[in-house]
Amino acid sequence: MNAVFDELSWRGLVAHSTDAEALAQHLDDGPVTFYVGFDPTAPSIHMGNLVQLIVARHLQAAGHKPLLLVGGSTGLIGDPKESGERVMNPVDQVHAWVEKIRAQVSRFVSFEGANAAEVVNNYDWTANLSTLDFLRDVGKHFPVNRMLARDVVSRRLESGISYTEFSYVLLQSLDYRELFRSKGATLQTGGSDQWGNITAGVELIRRSEGARVHALATPLLTKADGSKFGKTESGTVWLDAQMTSPYAFHQFFLNAEDAKVIEYLKVFSPRGRDEIDELERQVTEEPWKRAAQKALADDITDLVHSVDDRRAAVAAAEALFGKGDLRALPAATVRAVAHEVGGVELTDGTLPNVVDALMLAGVVDSKGAARRAVDEGGAYLNNEKVTDPERRLVADDLLPGGVALLRRGKRTLGALLLPRG
């Protein structure tokens, strides 16, 4: 088996592929130009997209050339969802998101050397394509019975699916053919939920060009209960630091389940087999140390954000419970911590007394409980014990970023934030 294909398989990054033996031989015969697409349906990419970028990094490290496609046209349409018709986003908004995502994906591959990456936008070859040319040149290669048999389409037939979403597969297939013609792309990668779209592109090239090309799909990562990975109670884990802070990002992976952490390490960490095998042993024999979770959280935060962001996240987690100096943390990190513990913004900027602060921050449910916490020595402001329940907070009590961190006992946390500016 080809070395990089073997590595991807060991890391659990291969769910489907066209003929595995032929693909392995094709990679051996390389270098191969491959592509993976990202539709701008939000201002940031997320954890599912990161899996695809990890695959691209492995393939590029093995000498193959990545084409990262940002879907300026497919993003205007939207891949069919099982739950119902997508809401079409405004054209200007989609174009703005294209530029944001172009910048994001560009951070994960190299643009130097013989196999330098390229970022392409399918709006460039579809914006001026006429309907007649599209139907004659692309549509004629798609039997409707096969399109109707696609899982997502068949499940939507009863509730209804628009012709727009029904036709999405044609646009994505056209991308593969265009990149085959113009860039020599002979491999498309993507998530297993895209397998029908990906193989449709393979078939379009076979029918219209008489050529054989390849496809590879990664599995969809899940939690131990089968629910979707990369989702939290507060929503999606984004790669944009303004949408999911580096602190929250690091905490998400630090809380990975023992049953899944090794699987996630294989996908997201650059560590080799021996290191991951040792971490797997520690999960089994010393789970309380959470060594694998720490390695995972550190590695992926370094990759997506930076080493400095990871260090700040670790320092913040330690400082939360008195093991470090809260005032030494960057303001952005302090505010991120405050939001993660359910911080409440003081909209009028007025600082309360200790009793009211404990109540507003949600660490007690009444003024009586707040006074008891103070009297019993279990109330803390910025990790310092408070003894006067009527003392009013002042500006000097605020941490960087305009935050007051409240704690009751060892684990009940809350925060108050002054408005930005």
Protein backbone atom coordinates (compact mmCIF):
# COMPACT_ATOMS: atom_id res chain seq x y z
CA MET A 1 0.00 0.00 0.00
CA ASN A 2 1.13 3.55 -0.67
CA ALA A 3 2.78 5.13 2.41
CA VAL A 4 0.50 8.17 2.73
CA PHE A 5 -2.63 6.09 2.02
CA ASP A 6 -1.48 3.68 4.73
CA GLU A 7 -0.91 6.60 7.12
CA LEU A 8 -4.35 8.07 6.42
CA SER A 9 -5.92 4.64 6.93
CA TRP A 10 -4.13 4.11 10.27
CA ARG A 11 -5.27 7.54 11.43
CA GLY A 12 -8.89 6.62 10.66
CA LEU A 13 -9.13 9.15 7.86
CA VAL A 14 -10.40 6.82 5.14
CA ALA A 15 -14.10 5.92 5.12
CA HIS A 16 -14.53 5.39 1.36
CA SER A 17 -12.36 5.54 -1.70
CA THR A 18 -12.53 4.57 -5.30
CA ASP A 19 -10.60 1.35 -5.97
CA ALA A 20 -8.09 1.40 -3.08
CA GLU A 21 -5.40 -0.52 -4.94
CA ALA A 22 -5.67 1.75 -7.98
CA LEU A 23 -5.65 4.88 -5.79
CA ALA A 24 -2.58 3.68 -3.88
CA GLN A 25 -0.81 3.02 -7.18
CA HIS A 26 -1.86 6.45 -8.47
CA LEU A 27 -0.33 8.08 -5.39
CA ASP A 28 2.83 6.00 -5.86
CA ASP A 29 3.04 7.18 -9.47
CA GLY A 30 2.53 10.83 -8.37
CA PRO A 31 2.89 13.62 -7.65
CA VAL A 32 -0.91 13.92 -7.73
CA THR A 33 -2.86 17.17 -7.88
CA PHE A 34 -5.87 16.86 -5.60
CA TYR A 35 -8.64 19.15 -4.47
CA VAL A 36 -11.00 19.63 -1.57
CA GLY A 37 -13.85 22.12 -1.38
CA PHE A 38 -15.19 24.45 1.31
CA ASP A 39 -18.54 26.19 0.88
CA PRO A 40 -18.87 29.61 2.55
CA THR A 41 -22.10 28.98 4.49
CA ALA A 42 -20.77 30.89 7.55
CA PRO A 43 -17.97 33.39 8.23
CA SER A 44 -15.70 30.62 9.51
CA ILE A 45 -14.84 26.99 8.90
CA HIS A 46 -15.44 24.41 11.65
CA MET A 47 -14.10 21.11 12.96
CA GLY A 48 -15.45 19.05 10.05
CA ASN A 49 -13.58 21.31 7.65
CA LEU A 50 -10.41 20.95 9.72
CA VAL A 51 -10.46 17.18 9.13
CA GLN A 52 -10.24 17.89 5.39
CA LEU A 53 -7.36 20.30 5.90
CA ILE A 54 -5.52 17.67 7.95
CA VAL A 55 -5.87 15.23 5.02
CA ALA A 56 -4.55 17.92 2.68
CA ARG A 57 -1.54 18.46 4.96
CA HIS A 58 -0.72 14.74 4.94
CA LEU A 59 -1.01 14.52 1.17
CA GLN A 60 1.07 17.64 0.61
CA ALA A 61 3.76 16.39 3.02
CA ALA A 62 3.91 13.26 0.86
CA GLY A 63 4.68 15.37 -2.22
CA HIS A 64 1.21 15.92 -3.69
CA LYS A 65 -0.26 19.28 -4.72
CA PRO A 66 -3.33 20.70 -2.93
CA LEU A 67 -6.03 22.79 -4.57
CA LEU A 68 -8.25 24.35 -1.91
CA LEU A 69 -11.54 25.32 -3.49
CA VAL A 70 -13.66 27.98 -1.81
CA GLY A 71 -17.14 27.72 -3.27
CA GLY A 72 -18.21 31.20 -4.27
CA SER A 73 -20.88 29.72 -6.51
CA THR A 74 -21.80 26.51 -4.67
CA GLY A 75 -22.03 28.60 -1.49
CA LEU A 76 -24.77 30.64 -3.15
CA ILE A 77 -26.80 27.45 -3.69
CA GLY A 78 -26.13 25.15 -0.74
CA ASP A 79 -25.79 21.39 -0.58
CA PRO A 80 -29.16 19.75 0.21
CA LYS A 81 -29.83 19.25 3.91
CA GLU A 82 -31.88 16.35 5.21
CA SER A 83 -33.89 18.63 7.49
CA GLY A 84 -35.27 20.95 4.81
CA GLU A 85 -34.53 23.67 2.30
CA ARG A 86 -31.55 25.91 2.99
CA VAL A 87 -32.03 29.64 3.38
CA MET A 88 -30.04 31.35 0.64
CA ASN A 89 -27.61 33.91 1.99
CA PRO A 90 -27.23 37.32 0.30
CA VAL A 91 -24.71 37.36 -2.54
CA ASP A 92 -22.55 40.09 -0.98
CA GLN A 93 -22.42 38.20 2.30
CA VAL A 94 -21.33 34.98 0.58
CA HIS A 95 -18.58 36.83 -1.30
CA ALA A 96 -17.36 38.35 1.99
CA TRP A 97 -17.32 34.90 3.59
CA VAL A 98 -15.33 33.56 0.63
CA GLU A 99 -12.50 35.95 1.48
CA LYS A 100 -12.59 35.05 5.18
CA ILE A 101 -12.47 31.34 4.45
CA ARG A 102 -9.81 31.79 1.78
CA ALA A 103 -7.59 33.32 4.46
CA GLN A 104 -8.43 30.61 6.99
CA VAL A 105 -7.73 27.58 4.80
CA SER A 106 -4.53 29.14 3.49
CA ARG A 107 -2.94 28.83 6.93
CA PHE A 108 -2.91 25.04 6.87
CA VAL A 109 -0.93 24.29 3.70
CA SER A 110 2.30 25.50 2.15
CA PHE A 111 2.40 27.83 -0.84
CA GLU A 112 6.07 27.21 -1.54
CA GLY A 113 7.98 24.49 -3.34
CA ALA A 114 7.27 22.24 -6.30
CA ASN A 115 3.91 21.16 -4.89
CA ALA A 116 2.81 24.61 -3.69
CA ALA A 117 -0.87 24.85 -2.81
CA GLU A 118 -3.36 27.00 -4.70
CA VAL A 119 -6.68 28.44 -3.58
CA VAL A 120 -9.36 28.54 -6.28
CA ASN A 121 -12.93 29.87 -6.40
CA ASN A 122 -15.57 28.11 -8.50
CA TYR A 123 -17.36 31.42 -9.05
CA ASP A 124 -14.58 32.14 -11.57
CA TRP A 125 -15.77 29.46 -14.00
CA THR A 126 -19.50 29.46 -13.28
CA ALA A 127 -20.47 33.15 -13.03
CA ASN A 128 -20.64 33.60 -16.81
CA LEU A 129 -21.78 30.07 -17.68
CA SER A 130 -25.09 30.22 -19.54
CA THR A 131 -28.01 27.99 -18.56
CA LEU A 132 -28.09 26.45 -22.03
CA ASP A 133 -24.39 25.60 -21.96
CA PHE A 134 -24.72 24.16 -18.47
CA LEU A 135 -27.65 21.95 -19.43
CA ARG A 136 -26.11 20.80 -22.72
CA ASP A 137 -22.57 20.28 -21.45
CA VAL A 138 -23.14 19.03 -17.91
CA GLY A 139 -26.81 18.14 -17.39
CA LYS A 140 -26.89 15.62 -20.22
CA HIS A 141 -24.45 13.40 -18.30
CA PHE A 142 -26.72 13.03 -15.24
CA PRO A 143 -29.50 10.43 -15.37
CA VAL A 144 -32.39 11.70 -13.26
CA ASN A 145 -33.09 8.24 -11.83
CA ARG A 146 -29.60 8.18 -10.27
CA MET A 147 -30.04 11.67 -8.89
CA LEU A 148 -33.36 10.67 -7.31
CA ALA A 149 -31.72 7.63 -5.73
CA ARG A 150 -29.25 9.73 -3.72
CA ASP A 151 -30.03 9.33 0.00
CA VAL A 152 -30.49 13.00 0.83
CA VAL A 153 -32.70 13.55 -2.22
CA SER A 154 -34.88 10.46 -1.67
CA ARG A 155 -35.45 11.49 1.95
CA ARG A 156 -36.52 14.95 0.85
CA LEU A 157 -38.90 13.90 -1.93
CA GLU A 158 -41.95 13.68 0.29
CA SER A 159 -41.41 17.01 2.05
CA GLY A 160 -40.13 18.63 -1.13
CA ILE A 161 -36.80 19.72 -2.56
CA SER A 162 -36.20 22.65 -4.88
CA TYR A 163 -34.66 22.26 -8.30
CA THR A 164 -31.86 24.53 -7.02
CA GLU A 165 -30.74 22.14 -4.30
CA PHE A 166 -31.49 19.11 -6.49
CA SER A 167 -28.98 20.49 -9.01
CA TYR A 168 -26.18 21.11 -6.52
CA VAL A 169 -24.49 17.84 -7.44
CA LEU A 170 -24.07 19.06 -11.01
CA LEU A 171 -22.21 22.16 -9.87
CA GLN A 172 -19.84 20.23 -7.62
CA SER A 173 -19.20 17.69 -10.38
CA LEU A 174 -18.45 20.54 -12.77
CA ASP A 175 -15.80 21.76 -10.31
CA TYR A 176 -13.97 18.45 -10.47
CA ARG A 177 -14.04 18.42 -14.26
CA GLU A 178 -12.88 22.04 -14.48
CA LEU A 179 -9.96 21.37 -12.14
CA PHE A 180 -9.15 18.17 -14.03
CA ARG A 181 -9.02 20.15 -17.28
CA SER A 182 -7.26 23.29 -16.07
CA LYS A 183 -5.06 22.04 -13.21
CA GLY A 184 -4.70 18.32 -13.84
CA ALA A 185 -6.56 17.33 -10.66
CA THR A 186 -7.08 13.57 -10.45
CA LEU A 187 -8.16 13.14 -6.82
CA GLN A 188 -10.95 14.76 -4.84
CA THR A 189 -11.19 14.41 -1.07
CA GLY A 190 -14.01 15.31 1.31
CA GLY A 191 -16.28 14.10 4.09
CA SER A 192 -18.28 10.91 3.74
CA ASP A 193 -21.48 12.99 3.67
CA GLN A 194 -20.17 14.31 0.34
CA TRP A 195 -19.47 10.89 -1.16
CA GLY A 196 -22.40 11.03 -3.57
CA ASN A 197 -21.32 14.44 -4.87
CA ILE A 198 -17.68 13.39 -5.11
CA THR A 199 -18.34 10.18 -7.04
CA ALA A 200 -20.72 12.07 -9.34
CA GLY A 201 -17.74 14.20 -10.34
CA VAL A 202 -15.67 11.06 -10.97
CA GLU A 203 -18.46 9.75 -13.21
CA LEU A 204 -18.82 13.08 -15.08
CA ILE A 205 -15.13 13.00 -15.96
CA ARG A 206 -15.40 9.39 -17.10
CA ARG A 207 -18.40 10.17 -19.28
CA SER A 208 -17.25 13.47 -20.77
CA GLU A 209 -13.48 13.07 -20.82
CA GLY A 210 -13.05 9.32 -21.00
CA ALA A 211 -10.59 9.56 -18.09
CA ARG A 212 -10.23 7.74 -14.80
CA VAL A 213 -9.90 9.87 -11.68
CA HIS A 214 -10.06 9.09 -7.99
CA ALA A 215 -11.88 9.98 -4.78
CA LEU A 216 -11.36 9.60 -1.05
CA ALA A 217 -13.77 10.40 1.79
CA THR A 218 -13.15 10.71 5.51
CA PRO A 219 -15.56 9.39 8.15
CA LEU A 220 -17.78 11.81 10.07
CA LEU A 221 -16.39 12.07 13.60
CA THR A 222 -18.82 11.43 16.43
CA LYS A 223 -18.90 11.48 20.21
CA ALA A 224 -19.25 8.26 22.17
CA ASP A 225 -23.05 8.56 22.15
CA GLY A 226 -23.10 8.87 18.36
CA SER A 227 -23.87 12.59 18.30
CA LYS A 228 -21.98 14.92 15.99
CA PHE A 229 -18.45 15.87 17.01
CA GLY A 230 -17.60 19.58 17.12
CA LYS A 231 -20.92 20.65 18.64
CA THR A 232 -21.38 21.97 22.17
CA GLU A 233 -24.35 23.19 24.15
CA SER A 234 -23.49 26.70 23.05
CA GLY A 235 -23.12 25.70 19.38
CA THR A 236 -20.50 24.86 16.79
CA VAL A 237 -16.77 24.85 17.55
CA TRP A 238 -15.42 27.32 14.99
CA LEU A 239 -11.81 27.88 13.95
CA ASP A 240 -12.21 31.67 14.03
CA ALA A 241 -10.91 32.98 17.38
CA GLN A 242 -13.66 35.62 17.47
CA MET A 243 -16.35 32.93 17.22
CA THR A 244 -14.76 30.27 19.46
CA SER A 245 -12.02 31.67 21.67
CA PRO A 246 -8.69 29.80 21.93
CA TYR A 247 -9.55 29.19 25.61
CA ALA A 248 -12.93 27.63 24.77
CA PHE A 249 -11.31 25.72 21.88
CA HIS A 250 -8.63 24.26 24.17
CA GLN A 251 -11.22 23.39 26.83
CA PHE A 252 -13.38 21.57 24.27
CA PHE A 253 -10.59 19.10 23.48
CA LEU A 254 -9.43 18.90 27.09
CA ASN A 255 -12.88 17.51 27.85
CA ALA A 256 -12.72 14.78 25.19
CA GLU A 257 -14.14 11.44 26.31
CA ASP A 258 -11.72 8.66 27.20
CA ALA A 259 -13.53 6.40 24.74
CA LYS A 260 -12.82 8.76 21.83
CA VAL A 261 -9.66 10.73 22.67
CA ILE A 262 -7.24 8.35 20.90
CA GLU A 263 -9.40 8.44 17.78
CA TYR A 264 -9.26 12.24 17.84
CA LEU A 265 -5.50 12.23 18.47
CA LYS A 266 -4.91 10.09 15.40
CA VAL A 267 -6.94 12.50 13.29
CA PHE A 268 -5.75 15.87 14.59
CA SER A 269 -2.31 15.39 16.16
CA PRO A 270 0.98 15.09 14.25
CA ARG A 271 2.27 12.63 16.87
CA GLY A 272 3.46 9.30 15.55
CA ARG A 273 2.28 5.77 16.32
CA ASP A 274 4.63 5.12 19.24
CA GLU A 275 3.59 8.31 21.06
CA ILE A 276 -0.09 7.72 20.48
CA ASP A 277 0.22 4.08 21.56
CA GLU A 278 1.79 5.28 24.83
CA LEU A 279 -1.00 7.81 25.35
CA GLU A 280 -3.52 5.04 24.71
CA ARG A 281 -1.85 2.98 27.42
CA GLN A 282 -2.14 5.90 29.82
CA VAL A 283 -5.84 6.33 29.02
CA THR A 284 -6.36 2.68 29.99
CA GLU A 285 -4.09 2.51 33.03
CA GLU A 286 -3.99 6.11 34.33
CA PRO A 287 -7.12 7.84 33.04
CA TRP A 288 -7.18 10.35 35.92
CA LYS A 289 -4.02 12.00 34.53
CA ARG A 290 -5.86 12.85 31.28
CA ALA A 291 -2.51 12.85 29.47
CA ALA A 292 -4.10 12.08 26.09
CA GLN A 293 -6.64 14.90 26.45
CA LYS A 294 -3.88 17.37 27.36
CA ALA A 295 -1.80 16.28 24.37
CA LEU A 296 -4.81 16.56 22.05
CA ALA A 297 -5.86 19.98 23.32
CA ASP A 298 -2.32 21.35 23.14
CA ASP A 299 -1.55 19.96 19.67
CA ILE A 300 -4.73 21.15 18.00
CA THR A 301 -4.70 24.58 19.66
CA ASP A 302 -1.11 25.06 18.49
CA LEU A 303 -2.19 24.16 14.96
CA VAL A 304 -5.38 26.20 14.71
CA HIS A 305 -4.37 29.20 16.83
CA SER A 306 -0.80 29.49 18.13
CA VAL A 307 1.58 28.29 20.81
CA ASP A 308 1.07 31.58 22.65
CA ASP A 309 -2.72 31.17 22.54
CA ARG A 310 -2.38 27.65 23.90
CA ARG A 311 -0.11 28.80 26.72
CA ALA A 312 -2.58 31.55 27.61
CA ALA A 313 -5.45 29.03 27.61
CA VAL A 314 -3.55 26.67 29.93
CA ALA A 315 -2.56 29.55 32.21
CA ALA A 316 -6.17 30.75 32.35
CA ALA A 317 -7.48 27.31 33.31
CA GLU A 318 -4.92 27.08 36.10
CA ALA A 319 -5.55 30.66 37.31
CA LEU A 320 -9.30 30.06 37.49
CA PHE A 321 -8.83 27.96 40.60
CA GLY A 322 -5.98 29.85 42.23
CA LYS A 323 -2.99 28.15 40.61
CA GLY A 324 -1.86 31.23 38.74
CA ASP A 325 -2.18 34.99 38.48
CA LEU A 326 -5.44 36.06 36.84
CA ARG A 327 -4.10 39.59 36.38
CA ALA A 328 -1.20 38.32 34.28
CA LEU A 329 -3.56 36.96 31.59
CA PRO A 330 -4.28 38.82 28.34
CA ALA A 331 -7.53 40.79 28.38
CA ALA A 332 -8.97 38.77 25.49
CA THR A 333 -8.32 35.53 27.36
CA VAL A 334 -9.92 36.84 30.55
CA ARG A 335 -13.06 37.88 28.68
CA ALA A 336 -13.15 34.49 26.93
CA VAL A 337 -12.97 32.75 30.30
CA ALA A 338 -15.75 34.99 31.62
CA HIS A 339 -18.01 34.10 28.70
CA GLU A 340 -17.27 30.39 29.14
CA VAL A 341 -18.41 30.45 32.76
CA GLY A 342 -21.62 32.25 31.79
CA GLY A 343 -20.47 35.79 32.46
CA VAL A 344 -23.10 38.51 32.74
CA GLU A 345 -22.52 41.92 31.20
CA LEU A 346 -23.17 44.97 33.35
CA THR A 347 -24.91 46.99 30.67
CA ASP A 348 -24.92 50.28 32.60
CA GLY A 349 -21.33 49.88 33.79
CA THR A 350 -22.29 50.21 37.46
CA LEU A 351 -20.33 47.96 39.82
CA PRO A 352 -22.44 46.22 42.53
CA ASN A 353 -21.60 45.23 46.09
CA VAL A 354 -20.32 41.73 46.87
CA VAL A 355 -23.74 40.25 47.66
CA ASP A 356 -25.30 41.55 44.47
CA ALA A 357 -22.22 40.56 42.47
CA LEU A 358 -22.49 36.95 43.64
CA MET A 359 -26.16 36.91 42.71
CA LEU A 360 -25.75 38.62 39.34
CA ALA A 361 -22.92 36.24 38.40
CA GLY A 362 -25.20 33.28 39.16
CA VAL A 363 -23.02 31.60 41.78
CA VAL A 364 -25.79 31.91 44.41
CA ASP A 365 -29.56 32.11 44.03
CA SER A 366 -30.39 34.64 46.75
CA LYS A 367 -28.93 37.46 48.81
CA GLY A 368 -29.22 35.27 51.88
CA ALA A 369 -27.16 32.54 50.22
CA ALA A 370 -24.58 35.16 49.20
CA ARG A 371 -24.22 36.41 52.78
CA ARG A 372 -23.93 32.84 54.09
CA ALA A 373 -21.20 32.10 51.55
CA VAL A 374 -19.26 35.16 52.73
CA ASP A 375 -19.81 34.38 56.43
CA GLU A 376 -18.67 30.77 55.94
CA GLY A 377 -15.51 31.82 54.09
CA GLY A 378 -16.60 30.32 50.77
CA ALA A 379 -16.97 33.45 48.61
CA TYR A 380 -14.17 34.64 46.33
CA LEU A 381 -13.57 37.63 44.10
CA ASN A 382 -10.80 37.03 41.54
CA ASN A 383 -9.65 34.06 43.69
CA GLU A 384 -9.33 36.22 46.81
CA LYS A 385 -11.61 35.48 49.77
CA VAL A 386 -14.11 38.24 50.53
CA THR A 387 -15.18 39.00 54.10
CA ASP A 388 -17.46 42.03 53.79
CA PRO A 389 -20.74 41.25 51.96
CA GLU A 390 -21.60 44.94 51.61
CA ARG A 391 -18.30 46.07 50.10
CA ARG A 392 -18.86 47.67 46.71
CA LEU A 393 -16.63 46.59 43.87
CA VAL A 394 -14.36 49.32 42.46
CA ALA A 395 -12.35 49.65 39.26
CA ASP A 396 -9.25 48.18 40.92
CA ASP A 397 -11.21 44.95 41.51
CA LEU A 398 -11.49 44.34 37.77
CA LEU A 399 -9.19 41.99 35.89
CA PRO A 400 -7.81 42.83 32.41
CA GLY A 401 -10.72 43.12 29.99
CA GLY A 402 -13.02 44.64 32.61
CA VAL A 403 -13.94 41.34 34.31
CA ALA A 404 -14.77 40.39 37.88
CA LEU A 405 -14.55 36.64 38.49
CA LEU A 406 -16.81 35.33 41.28
CA ARG A 407 -16.54 31.92 42.90
CA ARG A 408 -18.45 30.03 45.59
CA GLY A 409 -16.62 27.11 47.12
CA LYS A 410 -14.17 25.27 44.91
CA ARG A 411 -16.06 24.85 41.64
CA THR A 412 -19.04 27.22 41.28
CA LEU A 413 -17.90 30.00 38.97
CA GLY A 414 -19.45 33.09 37.47
CA ALA A 415 -18.29 36.45 36.14
CA LEU A 416 -19.37 40.02 35.57
CA LEU A 417 -18.14 42.02 32.58
CA LEU A 418 -18.12 45.71 31.88
CA PRO A 419 -19.20 46.57 28.33
CA ARG A 420 -16.37 46.80 25.78
CA GLY A 421 -15.04 50.24 25.09
